[in-house]
Every structure is written in structure tokens, then in C-alpha cells.
PDB file of N, CA and C in Angstrom:
ATOM      1  N   MET A   1     -16.210   1.187  21.899  1.00  0.00           N
ATOM      2  CA  MET A   1     -17.399   0.673  21.104  1.00  0.00           C
ATOM      3  C   MET A   1     -18.133   1.946  20.560  1.00  0.00           C
ATOM      4  N   PRO A   2     -18.402   1.943  19.232  1.00  0.00           N
ATOM      5  CA  PRO A   2     -19.078   3.103  18.610  1.00  0.00           C
ATOM      6  C   PRO A   2     -20.572   3.357  19.042  1.00  0.00           C
ATOM      7  N   LYS A   3     -21.002   4.586  18.961  1.00  0.00           N
ATOM      8  CA  LYS A   3     -22.297   4.869  19.340  1.00  0.00           C
ATOM      9  C   LYS A   3     -23.293   4.166  18.281  1.00  0.00           C
ATOM     10  N   ILE A   4     -24.444   3.918  18.643  1.00  0.00           N
ATOM     11  CA  ILE A   4     -25.491   3.393  17.751  1.00  0.00           C
ATOM     12  C   ILE A   4     -26.176   4.638  17.062  1.00  0.00           C
ATOM     13  N   LYS A   5     -26.280   4.638  15.799  1.00  0.00           N
ATOM     14  CA  LYS A   5     -26.804   5.755  15.134  1.00  0.00           C
ATOM     15  C   LYS A   5     -28.323   5.464  14.680  1.00  0.00           C
ATOM     16  N   SER A   6     -29.090   6.390  14.825  1.00  0.00           N
ATOM     17  CA  SER A   6     -30.519   6.296  14.315  1.00  0.00           C
ATOM     18  C   SER A   6     -30.464   6.524  12.756  1.00  0.00           C
ATOM     19  N   ASN A   7     -31.436   5.917  12.143  1.00  0.00           N
ATOM     20  CA  ASN A   7     -31.642   6.134  10.701  1.00  0.00           C
ATOM     21  C   ASN A   7     -32.229   7.508  10.575  1.00  0.00           C
ATOM     22  N   SER A   8     -31.456   8.427   9.965  1.00  0.00           N
ATOM     23  CA  SER A   8     -31.846   9.888   9.882  1.00  0.00           C
ATOM     24  C   SER A   8     -33.133  10.095   9.114  1.00  0.00           C
ATOM     25  N   GLY A   9     -33.457   9.330   8.086  1.00  0.00           N
ATOM     26  CA  GLY A   9     -34.601   9.427   7.322  1.00  0.00           C
ATOM     27  C   GLY A   9     -35.853   9.000   8.205  1.00  0.00           C
ATOM     28  N   ALA A  10     -35.648   7.986   8.968  1.00  0.00           N
ATOM     29  CA  ALA A  10     -36.837   7.513   9.875  1.00  0.00           C
ATOM     30  C   ALA A  10     -37.001   8.548  11.052  1.00  0.00           C
ATOM     31  N   ARG A  11     -35.972   9.174  11.424  1.00  0.00           N
ATOM     32  CA  ARG A  11     -36.022  10.173  12.517  1.00  0.00           C
ATOM     33  C   ARG A  11     -36.885  11.332  12.108  1.00  0.00           C
ATOM     34  N   LYS A  12     -36.768  11.695  10.834  1.00  0.00           N
ATOM     35  CA  LYS A  12     -37.531  12.929  10.342  1.00  0.00           C
ATOM     36  C   LYS A  12     -39.007  12.456  10.066  1.00  0.00           C
ATOM     37  N   ARG A  13     -39.189  11.150   9.724  1.00  0.00           N
ATOM     38  CA  ARG A  13     -40.543  10.775   9.295  1.00  0.00           C
ATOM     39  C   ARG A  13     -41.571  10.346  10.445  1.00  0.00           C
ATOM     40  N   PHE A  14     -40.967   9.708  11.447  1.00  0.00           N
ATOM     41  CA  PHE A  14     -41.750   9.115  12.505  1.00  0.00           C
ATOM     42  C   PHE A  14     -41.623   9.707  13.838  1.00  0.00           C
ATOM     43  N   LYS A  15     -42.712  10.021  14.575  1.00  0.00           N
ATOM     44  CA  LYS A  15     -42.593  10.568  15.925  1.00  0.00           C
ATOM     45  C   LYS A  15     -43.163   9.471  16.875  1.00  0.00           C
ATOM     46  N   PRO A  16     -42.391   9.242  17.953  1.00  0.00           N
ATOM     47  CA  PRO A  16     -42.840   8.328  19.014  1.00  0.00           C
ATOM     48  C   PRO A  16     -43.979   8.778  19.763  1.00  0.00           C
ATOM     49  N   THR A  17     -44.901   7.946  20.161  1.00  0.00           N
ATOM     50  CA  THR A  17     -46.073   8.207  21.030  1.00  0.00           C
ATOM     51  C   THR A  17     -46.067   7.195  22.124  1.00  0.00           C
ATOM     52  N   ALA A  18     -47.019   7.219  23.054  1.00  0.00           N
ATOM     53  CA  ALA A  18     -47.035   6.315  24.171  1.00  0.00           C
ATOM     54  C   ALA A  18     -47.381   4.873  23.622  1.00  0.00           C
ATOM     55  N   LYS A  19     -48.175   4.806  22.452  1.00  0.00           N
ATOM     56  CA  LYS A  19     -48.648   3.488  21.972  1.00  0.00           C
ATOM     57  C   LYS A  19     -47.978   3.039  20.702  1.00  0.00           C
ATOM     58  N   GLY A  20     -46.930   3.802  20.220  1.00  0.00           N
ATOM     59  CA  GLY A  20     -46.253   3.406  19.038  1.00  0.00           C
ATOM     60  C   GLY A  20     -45.640   4.575  18.299  1.00  0.00           C
ATOM     61  N   PHE A  21     -45.872   4.773  17.023  1.00  0.00           N
ATOM     62  CA  PHE A  21     -45.312   5.920  16.218  1.00  0.00           C
ATOM     63  C   PHE A  21     -46.401   6.490  15.336  1.00  0.00           C
ATOM     64  N   LYS A  22     -46.327   7.738  15.071  1.00  0.00           N
ATOM     65  CA  LYS A  22     -47.182   8.380  14.122  1.00  0.00           C
ATOM     66  C   LYS A  22     -46.346   8.964  13.025  1.00  0.00           C
ATOM     67  N   HIS A  23     -47.144   9.144  11.927  1.00  0.00           N
ATOM     68  CA  HIS A  23     -46.421   9.625  10.658  1.00  0.00           C
ATOM     69  C   HIS A  23     -47.377  10.499   9.885  1.00  0.00           C
ATOM     70  N   LYS A  24     -46.891  11.349   9.095  1.00  0.00           N
ATOM     71  CA  LYS A  24     -47.673  12.178   8.110  1.00  0.00           C
ATOM     72  C   LYS A  24     -48.139  11.378   6.997  1.00  0.00           C
ATOM     73  N   GLN A  25     -49.258  11.739   6.550  1.00  0.00           N
ATOM     74  CA  GLN A  25     -49.942  10.952   5.517  1.00  0.00           C
ATOM     75  C   GLN A  25     -49.335  11.373   4.134  1.00  0.00           C
ATOM     76  N   SER A  26     -49.316  10.482   3.217  1.00  0.00           N
ATOM     77  CA  SER A  26     -48.833  10.782   1.881  1.00  0.00           C
ATOM     78  C   SER A  26     -49.919  11.380   0.985  1.00  0.00           C
ATOM     79  N   PHE A  27     -49.624  11.804  -0.156  1.00  0.00           N
ATOM     80  CA  PHE A  27     -50.533  12.369  -1.219  1.00  0.00           C
ATOM     81  C   PHE A  27     -51.123  13.716  -0.702  1.00  0.00           C
ATOM     82  N   ARG A  28     -50.338  14.475   0.087  1.00  0.00           N
ATOM     83  CA  ARG A  28     -50.727  15.802   0.534  1.00  0.00           C
ATOM     84  C   ARG A  28     -49.855  16.893   0.165  1.00  0.00           C
ATOM     85  N   SER A  29     -48.709  16.641  -0.574  1.00  0.00           N
ATOM     86  CA  SER A  29     -47.721  17.674  -0.726  1.00  0.00           C
ATOM     87  C   SER A  29     -47.919  18.527  -2.009  1.00  0.00           C
ATOM     88  N   HIS A  30     -48.265  17.906  -3.109  1.00  0.00           N
ATOM     89  CA  HIS A  30     -48.439  18.683  -4.371  1.00  0.00           C
ATOM     90  C   HIS A  30     -49.565  18.064  -5.236  1.00  0.00           C
ATOM     91  N   ILE A  31     -49.876  18.717  -6.331  1.00  0.00           N
ATOM     92  CA  ILE A  31     -50.985  18.345  -7.232  1.00  0.00           C
ATOM     93  C   ILE A  31     -52.295  18.284  -6.467  1.00  0.00           C
ATOM     94  N   LEU A  32     -52.556  19.360  -5.714  1.00  0.00           N
ATOM     95  CA  LEU A  32     -53.806  19.352  -4.831  1.00  0.00           C
ATOM     96  C   LEU A  32     -55.055  19.830  -5.602  1.00  0.00           C
ATOM     97  N   THR A  33     -54.896  20.362  -6.757  1.00  0.00           N
ATOM     98  CA  THR A  33     -56.021  21.005  -7.387  1.00  0.00           C
ATOM     99  C   THR A  33     -56.997  19.991  -7.860  1.00  0.00           C
ATOM    100  N   LYS A  34     -56.513  18.787  -8.234  1.00  0.00           N
ATOM    101  CA  LYS A  34     -57.511  17.749  -8.801  1.00  0.00           C
ATOM    102  C   LYS A  34     -58.056  16.870  -7.593  1.00  0.00           C
ATOM    103  N   LYS A  35     -57.595  17.124  -6.333  1.00  0.00           N
ATOM    104  CA  LYS A  35     -58.116  16.333  -5.231  1.00  0.00           C
ATOM    105  C   LYS A  35     -59.270  17.044  -4.580  1.00  0.00           C
ATOM    106  N   SER A  36     -60.273  16.321  -4.214  1.00  0.00           N
ATOM    107  CA  SER A  36     -61.496  16.906  -3.680  1.00  0.00           C
ATOM    108  C   SER A  36     -61.228  17.510  -2.343  1.00  0.00           C
ATOM    109  N   PRO A  37     -61.909  18.471  -1.817  1.00  0.00           N
ATOM    110  CA  PRO A  37     -61.811  19.026  -0.581  1.00  0.00           C
ATOM    111  C   PRO A  37     -61.858  17.982   0.577  1.00  0.00           C
ATOM    112  N   LYS A  38     -62.791  17.048   0.373  1.00  0.00           N
ATOM    113  CA  LYS A  38     -62.980  15.975   1.419  1.00  0.00           C
ATOM    114  C   LYS A  38     -61.766  15.100   1.542  1.00  0.00           C
ATOM    115  N   ARG A  39     -61.152  14.827   0.303  1.00  0.00           N
ATOM    116  CA  ARG A  39     -59.981  13.958   0.439  1.00  0.00           C
ATOM    117  C   ARG A  39     -58.810  14.668   1.105  1.00  0.00           C
ATOM    118  N   LYS A  40     -58.654  15.946   0.855  1.00  0.00           N
ATOM    119  CA  LYS A  40     -57.606  16.701   1.337  1.00  0.00           C
ATOM    120  C   LYS A  40     -57.786  16.912   2.882  1.00  0.00           C
ATOM    121  N   ARG A  41     -59.086  17.153   3.266  1.00  0.00           N
ATOM    122  CA  ARG A  41     -59.373  17.193   4.721  1.00  0.00           C
ATOM    123  C   ARG A  41     -59.025  15.990   5.413  1.00  0.00           C
ATOM    124  N   GLN A  42     -59.386  14.839   4.873  1.00  0.00           N
ATOM    125  CA  GLN A  42     -59.127  13.574   5.572  1.00  0.00           C
ATOM    126  C   GLN A  42     -57.638  13.220   5.577  1.00  0.00           C
ATOM    127  N   LEU A  43     -56.856  13.804   4.663  1.00  0.00           N
ATOM    128  CA  LEU A  43     -55.396  13.539   4.764  1.00  0.00           C
ATOM    129  C   LEU A  43     -54.680  14.508   5.643  1.00  0.00           C
ATOM    130  N   ARG A  44     -55.321  15.332   6.356  1.00  0.00           N
ATOM    131  CA  ARG A  44     -54.777  16.387   7.109  1.00  0.00           C
ATOM    132  C   ARG A  44     -53.986  15.929   8.315  1.00  0.00           C
ATOM    133  N   GLY A  45     -54.544  15.021   9.064  1.00  0.00           N
ATOM    134  CA  GLY A  45     -53.914  14.646  10.420  1.00  0.00           C
ATOM    135  C   GLY A  45     -52.795  13.611  10.238  1.00  0.00           C
ATOM    136  N   MET A  46     -52.259  13.264  11.427  1.00  0.00           N
ATOM    137  CA  MET A  46     -51.211  12.243  11.493  1.00  0.00           C
ATOM    138  C   MET A  46     -51.941  10.918  11.629  1.00  0.00           C
ATOM    139  N   GLN A  47     -51.274   9.877  11.169  1.00  0.00           N
ATOM    140  CA  GLN A  47     -51.815   8.477  11.283  1.00  0.00           C
ATOM    141  C   GLN A  47     -50.916   7.723  12.198  1.00  0.00           C
ATOM    142  N   MET A  48     -51.322   6.667  12.745  1.00  0.00           N
ATOM    143  CA  MET A  48     -50.536   5.748  13.526  1.00  0.00           C
ATOM    144  C   MET A  48     -49.932   4.704  12.644  1.00  0.00           C
ATOM    145  N   ILE A  49     -48.791   4.241  12.964  1.00  0.00           N
ATOM    146  CA  ILE A  49     -48.038   3.209  12.178  1.00  0.00           C
ATOM    147  C   ILE A  49     -48.807   1.865  12.544  1.00  0.00           C
ATOM    148  N   ALA A  50     -48.961   1.035  11.507  1.00  0.00           N
ATOM    149  CA  ALA A  50     -49.565  -0.366  11.780  1.00  0.00           C
ATOM    150  C   ALA A  50     -48.680  -1.063  12.721  1.00  0.00           C
ATOM    151  N   ALA A  51     -49.295  -1.896  13.535  1.00  0.00           N
ATOM    152  CA  ALA A  51     -48.639  -2.678  14.511  1.00  0.00           C
ATOM    153  C   ALA A  51     -47.492  -3.637  13.995  1.00  0.00           C
ATOM    154  N   ALA A  52     -47.705  -4.132  12.749  1.00  0.00           N
ATOM    155  CA  ALA A  52     -46.801  -4.986  12.080  1.00  0.00           C
ATOM    156  C   ALA A  52     -45.471  -4.232  11.727  1.00  0.00           C
ATOM    157  N   ASP A  53     -45.542  -2.921  11.580  1.00  0.00           N
ATOM    158  CA  ASP A  53     -44.411  -2.189  11.129  1.00  0.00           C
ATOM    159  C   ASP A  53     -43.642  -1.570  12.327  1.00  0.00           C
ATOM    160  N   VAL A  54     -44.191  -1.599  13.477  1.00  0.00           N
ATOM    161  CA  VAL A  54     -43.594  -0.934  14.663  1.00  0.00           C
ATOM    162  C   VAL A  54     -42.141  -1.627  14.913  1.00  0.00           C
ATOM    163  N   PRO A  55     -42.005  -2.939  14.947  1.00  0.00           N
ATOM    164  CA  PRO A  55     -40.653  -3.407  15.139  1.00  0.00           C
ATOM    165  C   PRO A  55     -39.606  -2.934  14.186  1.00  0.00           C
ATOM    166  N   LEU A  56     -39.973  -2.728  12.902  1.00  0.00           N
ATOM    167  CA  LEU A  56     -39.089  -2.326  11.904  1.00  0.00           C
ATOM    168  C   LEU A  56     -38.549  -0.868  12.286  1.00  0.00           C
ATOM    169  N   ILE A  57     -39.558  -0.064  12.622  1.00  0.00           N
ATOM    170  CA  ILE A  57     -39.233   1.327  13.045  1.00  0.00           C
ATOM    171  C   ILE A  57     -38.361   1.441  14.239  1.00  0.00           C
ATOM    172  N   LYS A  58     -38.662   0.561  15.217  1.00  0.00           N
ATOM    173  CA  LYS A  58     -37.878   0.495  16.490  1.00  0.00           C
ATOM    174  C   LYS A  58     -36.469   0.162  16.160  1.00  0.00           C
ATOM    175  N   ARG A  59     -36.260  -0.691  15.227  1.00  0.00           N
ATOM    176  CA  ARG A  59     -34.894  -1.046  14.755  1.00  0.00           C
ATOM    177  C   ARG A  59     -34.163   0.111  14.086  1.00  0.00           C
ATOM    178  N   MET A  60     -34.844   0.896  13.445  1.00  0.00           N
ATOM    179  CA  MET A  60     -34.272   2.095  12.750  1.00  0.00           C
ATOM    180  C   MET A  60     -33.941   3.186  13.767  1.00  0.00           C
ATOM    181  N   LEU A  61     -34.829   3.249  14.850  1.00  0.00           N
ATOM    182  CA  LEU A  61     -34.704   4.200  15.820  1.00  0.00           C
ATOM    183  C   LEU A  61     -34.354   3.602  17.233  1.00  0.00           C
ATOM    184  N   PRO A  62     -33.124   3.127  17.354  1.00  0.00           N
ATOM    185  CA  PRO A  62     -32.857   2.390  18.611  1.00  0.00           C
ATOM    186  C   PRO A  62     -32.805   3.328  19.822  1.00  0.00           C
ATOM    187  N   THR A  63     -32.553   4.557  19.784  1.00  0.00           N
ATOM    188  CA  THR A  63     -32.361   5.443  20.920  1.00  0.00           C
ATOM    189  C   THR A  63     -33.720   6.091  21.250  1.00  0.00           C
ATOM    190  N   VAL A  64     -34.757   5.832  20.546  1.00  0.00           N
ATOM    191  CA  VAL A  64     -36.103   6.508  20.949  1.00  0.00           C
ATOM    192  C   VAL A  64     -36.889   5.635  21.747  1.00  0.00           C
TER     193      VAL A  64
END
């Protein structure tokens, strides 16, 4: 029987936590000059994945 592979894109984007998964926020990688300091500051941290999306991510990351 072959090994189950994790989705490599999902493996890079989502980190498991005790209560679900966390991910880096979008709109923080480039064209930062036109964004206000408040907006950039609020995009700084990691966000939790919505509860509705957790089953999809668990299917992409079966070994986590």
C-alpha cells in the first residue's frame, strides 16, 4: 500500500495548533506603500482558520 501524501502547498501555508490551524494573512507581501500603518500593523499576526474550513485542511494534511 502506498504512503499517504500531504498536499505540499497546504503543508507550507497552514500550521496546526491545539484548536485547529493558523495561517499567515494575505495582502502583506508587496505594494505596502499605499497601505496605512494601521492596516499593515493589523495584518502582522497569524489568523486562525474558520471552523468551516478545518475539515478541508485536515483532508489535505492527513498526517498532521
